[in-house]
Amino acid sequence: MRKIIEKAGLRGTDWTPREMRHSFVSLPSDSGVPIEDISRRAGHRNTVLTETVYRKQIRPVLMQGAEAMDEIFKS
């Protein structure tokens, strides 16, 4: 696994299959892919594990904060 990661230009000690699984779930989710589709592709029986363990969504939190700031500082 480390050899493949290093060939991709990343540090092999920084990535494990676990981190890649989180990315596999989080990136499509941030792009609008339905959680049901992602859950099936990840091999989960339902969306609970996908949503609670593997999906790490930063974008919605950032967007909500940015929208709130836009509203606060409206001209």
N, C-alpha and C. Protein backbone atom coordinates (compact mmCIF):
# COMPACT_ATOMS: atom_id res chain seq x y z
N MET A 1 0.82 -1.19 0.00
CA MET A 1 0.00 0.00 0.00
C MET A 1 0.87 1.25 0.00
N ARG A 2 1.89 1.27 0.83
CA ARG A 2 2.76 2.46 0.90
C ARG A 2 3.44 2.75 -0.42
N LYS A 3 3.85 1.70 -1.13
CA LYS A 3 4.51 1.91 -2.42
C LYS A 3 3.57 2.60 -3.41
N ILE A 4 2.33 2.18 -3.43
CA ILE A 4 1.34 2.78 -4.33
C ILE A 4 1.12 4.24 -3.96
N ILE A 5 0.99 4.51 -2.68
CA ILE A 5 0.77 5.87 -2.22
C ILE A 5 1.96 6.76 -2.57
N GLU A 6 3.15 6.26 -2.36
CA GLU A 6 4.34 7.04 -2.66
C GLU A 6 4.48 7.28 -4.17
N LYS A 7 4.09 6.31 -4.99
CA LYS A 7 4.12 6.50 -6.44
C LYS A 7 3.13 7.58 -6.87
N ALA A 8 2.10 7.77 -6.08
CA ALA A 8 1.11 8.82 -6.37
C ALA A 8 1.61 10.19 -5.92
N GLY A 9 2.81 10.23 -5.31
CA GLY A 9 3.39 11.51 -4.89
C GLY A 9 3.02 11.92 -3.48
N LEU A 10 2.46 10.99 -2.71
CA LEU A 10 2.09 11.27 -1.33
C LEU A 10 3.04 10.55 -0.39
N ARG A 11 3.08 11.01 0.85
CA ARG A 11 3.92 10.31 1.84
C ARG A 11 3.19 9.07 2.32
N GLY A 12 3.84 7.92 2.15
CA GLY A 12 3.22 6.65 2.49
C GLY A 12 2.88 6.49 3.96
N THR A 13 3.58 7.20 4.82
CA THR A 13 3.31 7.08 6.25
C THR A 13 2.10 7.90 6.68
N ASP A 14 1.61 8.78 5.80
CA ASP A 14 0.48 9.65 6.15
C ASP A 14 -0.87 9.06 5.78
N TRP A 15 -0.89 8.04 4.94
CA TRP A 15 -2.14 7.49 4.44
C TRP A 15 -2.25 6.00 4.76
N THR A 16 -3.42 5.62 5.20
CA THR A 16 -3.72 4.21 5.44
C THR A 16 -5.02 3.89 4.71
N PRO A 17 -5.35 2.63 4.53
CA PRO A 17 -6.63 2.31 3.90
C PRO A 17 -7.82 2.96 4.61
N ARG A 18 -7.72 3.16 5.90
CA ARG A 18 -8.82 3.78 6.64
C ARG A 18 -9.05 5.22 6.17
N GLU A 19 -7.98 6.00 6.03
CA GLU A 19 -8.14 7.38 5.57
C GLU A 19 -8.70 7.42 4.15
N MET A 20 -8.25 6.48 3.33
CA MET A 20 -8.74 6.46 1.96
C MET A 20 -10.23 6.10 1.92
N ARG A 21 -10.67 5.28 2.84
CA ARG A 21 -12.09 4.93 2.89
C ARG A 21 -12.93 6.15 3.27
N HIS A 22 -12.42 6.95 4.20
CA HIS A 22 -13.12 8.18 4.57
C HIS A 22 -13.22 9.10 3.35
N SER A 23 -12.14 9.23 2.59
CA SER A 23 -12.15 10.07 1.39
C SER A 23 -13.11 9.51 0.35
N PHE A 24 -13.14 8.18 0.19
CA PHE A 24 -14.02 7.53 -0.76
C PHE A 24 -15.48 7.86 -0.48
N VAL A 25 -15.82 8.04 0.78
CA VAL A 25 -17.19 8.37 1.17
C VAL A 25 -17.41 9.88 1.16
N SER A 26 -16.47 10.64 1.68
CA SER A 26 -16.67 12.08 1.87
C SER A 26 -16.67 12.88 0.57
N LEU A 27 -15.75 12.60 -0.32
CA LEU A 27 -15.65 13.40 -1.54
C LEU A 27 -16.90 13.31 -2.43
N PRO A 28 -17.41 12.12 -2.72
CA PRO A 28 -18.65 12.08 -3.51
C PRO A 28 -19.83 12.73 -2.78
N SER A 29 -19.86 12.58 -1.46
CA SER A 29 -20.93 13.19 -0.69
C SER A 29 -20.89 14.71 -0.82
N ASP A 30 -19.71 15.28 -0.75
CA ASP A 30 -19.56 16.73 -0.93
C ASP A 30 -19.96 17.16 -2.33
N SER A 31 -19.87 16.25 -3.29
CA SER A 31 -20.21 16.57 -4.67
C SER A 31 -21.67 16.31 -5.00
N GLY A 32 -22.45 15.93 -4.00
CA GLY A 32 -23.88 15.76 -4.21
C GLY A 32 -24.35 14.36 -4.53
N VAL A 33 -23.47 13.37 -4.48
CA VAL A 33 -23.89 11.99 -4.73
C VAL A 33 -24.74 11.54 -3.54
N PRO A 34 -25.91 10.96 -3.79
CA PRO A 34 -26.78 10.52 -2.69
C PRO A 34 -26.06 9.53 -1.76
N ILE A 35 -26.29 9.68 -0.48
CA ILE A 35 -25.63 8.85 0.53
C ILE A 35 -25.97 7.38 0.34
N GLU A 36 -27.16 7.08 -0.19
CA GLU A 36 -27.54 5.69 -0.44
C GLU A 36 -26.63 5.05 -1.48
N ASP A 37 -26.31 5.80 -2.53
CA ASP A 37 -25.42 5.29 -3.57
C ASP A 37 -24.01 5.07 -3.02
N ILE A 38 -23.54 6.02 -2.25
CA ILE A 38 -22.20 5.91 -1.67
C ILE A 38 -22.14 4.72 -0.72
N SER A 39 -23.17 4.56 0.09
CA SER A 39 -23.22 3.46 1.05
C SER A 39 -23.15 2.11 0.35
N ARG A 40 -23.89 1.96 -0.74
CA ARG A 40 -23.84 0.70 -1.50
C ARG A 40 -22.45 0.47 -2.07
N ARG A 41 -21.84 1.52 -2.63
CA ARG A 41 -20.50 1.38 -3.21
C ARG A 41 -19.46 1.04 -2.15
N ALA A 42 -19.68 1.51 -0.92
CA ALA A 42 -18.75 1.23 0.17
C ALA A 42 -18.98 -0.16 0.77
N GLY A 43 -20.07 -0.81 0.36
CA GLY A 43 -20.36 -2.15 0.87
C GLY A 43 -21.08 -2.17 2.20
N HIS A 44 -21.73 -1.06 2.54
CA HIS A 44 -22.47 -1.00 3.81
C HIS A 44 -23.91 -1.46 3.59
N ARG A 45 -24.50 -2.06 4.60
CA ARG A 45 -25.88 -2.57 4.50
C ARG A 45 -26.89 -1.44 4.47
N ASN A 46 -26.58 -0.35 5.17
CA ASN A 46 -27.46 0.81 5.17
C ASN A 46 -26.60 2.07 5.30
N THR A 47 -27.23 3.21 5.40
CA THR A 47 -26.49 4.47 5.39
C THR A 47 -25.97 4.89 6.76
N VAL A 48 -26.39 4.23 7.81
CA VAL A 48 -26.01 4.66 9.16
C VAL A 48 -24.49 4.66 9.35
N LEU A 49 -23.84 3.58 9.03
CA LEU A 49 -22.38 3.49 9.17
C LEU A 49 -21.70 4.50 8.25
N THR A 50 -22.19 4.62 7.06
CA THR A 50 -21.62 5.55 6.09
C THR A 50 -21.68 6.98 6.62
N GLU A 51 -22.83 7.36 7.16
CA GLU A 51 -23.04 8.73 7.64
C GLU A 51 -22.33 9.02 8.96
N THR A 52 -22.35 8.08 9.86
CA THR A 52 -21.85 8.37 11.21
C THR A 52 -20.36 8.11 11.40
N VAL A 53 -19.80 7.21 10.60
CA VAL A 53 -18.39 6.86 10.79
C VAL A 53 -17.50 7.40 9.67
N TYR A 54 -17.92 7.20 8.44
CA TYR A 54 -17.01 7.46 7.32
C TYR A 54 -17.16 8.83 6.67
N ARG A 55 -18.33 9.41 6.70
CA ARG A 55 -18.51 10.70 6.02
C ARG A 55 -17.99 11.83 6.90
N LYS A 56 -17.02 12.53 6.40
CA LYS A 56 -16.45 13.69 7.09
C LYS A 56 -16.70 14.89 6.18
N GLN A 57 -17.77 15.58 6.44
CA GLN A 57 -18.11 16.70 5.57
C GLN A 57 -17.73 18.01 6.19
N ILE A 58 -16.85 18.68 5.52
CA ILE A 58 -16.42 20.00 5.96
C ILE A 58 -17.18 21.07 5.19
N ARG A 59 -17.40 20.82 3.92
CA ARG A 59 -17.99 21.83 3.05
C ARG A 59 -19.32 22.40 3.54
N PRO A 60 -20.31 21.57 3.94
CA PRO A 60 -21.57 22.16 4.42
C PRO A 60 -21.36 23.10 5.60
N VAL A 61 -20.46 22.75 6.50
CA VAL A 61 -20.21 23.61 7.66
C VAL A 61 -19.60 24.93 7.21
N LEU A 62 -18.64 24.86 6.28
CA LEU A 62 -18.03 26.08 5.76
C LEU A 62 -19.04 26.93 5.02
N MET A 63 -19.88 26.29 4.22
CA MET A 63 -20.87 27.03 3.45
C MET A 63 -21.88 27.71 4.38
N GLN A 64 -22.32 27.02 5.41
CA GLN A 64 -23.27 27.61 6.35
C GLN A 64 -22.66 28.82 7.03
N GLY A 65 -21.40 28.70 7.42
CA GLY A 65 -20.71 29.81 8.06
C GLY A 65 -20.54 30.98 7.12
N ALA A 66 -20.17 30.71 5.88
CA ALA A 66 -19.99 31.76 4.88
C ALA A 66 -21.32 32.46 4.59
N GLU A 67 -22.38 31.69 4.46
CA GLU A 67 -23.69 32.29 4.20
C GLU A 67 -24.15 33.15 5.37
N ALA A 68 -23.88 32.69 6.59
CA ALA A 68 -24.24 33.49 7.77
C ALA A 68 -23.45 34.80 7.79
N MET A 69 -22.17 34.74 7.47
CA MET A 69 -21.35 35.95 7.44
C MET A 69 -21.82 36.90 6.34
N ASP A 70 -22.20 36.36 5.19
CA ASP A 70 -22.74 37.21 4.11
C ASP A 70 -23.98 37.95 4.58
N GLU A 71 -24.83 37.24 5.30
CA GLU A 71 -26.06 37.85 5.81
C GLU A 71 -25.74 38.93 6.85
N ILE A 72 -24.82 38.66 7.71
CA ILE A 72 -24.44 39.63 8.77
C ILE A 72 -23.86 40.89 8.17
N PHE A 73 -23.00 40.74 7.16
CA PHE A 73 -22.28 41.90 6.60
C PHE A 73 -22.89 42.41 5.30
N LYS A 74 -24.18 42.16 5.09
CA LYS A 74 -24.84 42.67 3.90
C LYS A 74 -24.71 44.19 3.86
N SER A 75 -24.48 44.71 2.66
CA SER A 75 -24.38 46.18 2.54
C SER A 75 -25.73 46.79 2.36
